[in-house]
Amino acid sequence: METTITGPVGQNKRIIIVDILRGWAFVVNSEKRLYTDQLNNVIAPPVVTRVQEPTKWGMVQTMMNRLAIAILSGLLIAPLVMFGAAGKVKPAIGPTAESALAADQELAKALQANDTVGIYHMLDKDWAVISTAGGVGEGPSIFPDGIRSGYLTRKTYSLSEPRVRLYGNIALVTTKVETSGMFQGKPFVVTERQTDVWCWKGGGWKCILTHETKMSK
C-alpha cells in the first residue's frame, strides 16, 4: 500500500510510509518462515537412526545358523572322504588272524551251550574231526546229533593259549581246551590240545577240520 502526498513534506511522509510497510512485510515473512519450520518439525520430525545392540537371543540364533551351515557342509563332504572323488567303494574286510580266532571262540561258546544250530552253522559241509583216540568222524551233524540224542553233553568248554596262523584264505587255530560233561552217561573231564582248520568262504569262516590231542595232567 502506498499513499502519495504532494509537496516536499508529503514526499518525506511518502518515504516513511513505504519504509513502514516494508518493515511489516519483513516481519510477516519472518513469522511465516518460523511458523513453517515449526509445522514441519511437528508433521515430519527428523529421522534418528539407532544402532540396536545384539540381544542374547540374537547371538544364539547366529550361532545356531553357523552350526547348521557347518553340519550341512560336513554331510556334503563326508561321502567324498569315504568313497573318494571318483565314487570308489571301500572294499570289504577279508580273512584276518583276529577274525579267525573270533570264529574259533564262537564255536567254543556254541559247544559249551550245547547249541546244535550254532555248532552246525560254524562247520563246513565237509568238516571232519580226529578224536583223541585217533578215530575219524565226518559231517557237520556229528556233534548236533550226539547232543540231541543225549550221547554227549558238555558242562564246561574253555579255550586258552591260542596260536593262529593265516595262509591266504586258510587259518590254523591251535588252543588248549579244557572241557567237562557227560559222555555215554558217564562224566568226563578232559584237557586237549586242539587245532581247528578254518576256510574263508562267502565272506565268513567255516571250520573244515578239527584235530584233538589229549594232554596228560
Foldseek 3Di string as FASTA:
>chain_A
DFDQDDDPVRVVVRVVVVVVVVVVVVVVVVVVVVVVVVVCCVVPNDDDDDDDDDDPVNVVVVVVVVVVVVVVVCVVCVQCVQQNPVRHHDDDDFDDQVQVVVLVVQCQVCQQVLPQVSQLVQADQFAWEQDQVRDIDGGSCPSNVCSVVVQDHWNDWDWDDWDWDDDPQKIKIWTWIWTWTAHRRHTDTFIWTKIWIWGQDPNHIHTRYIYTHTDDD
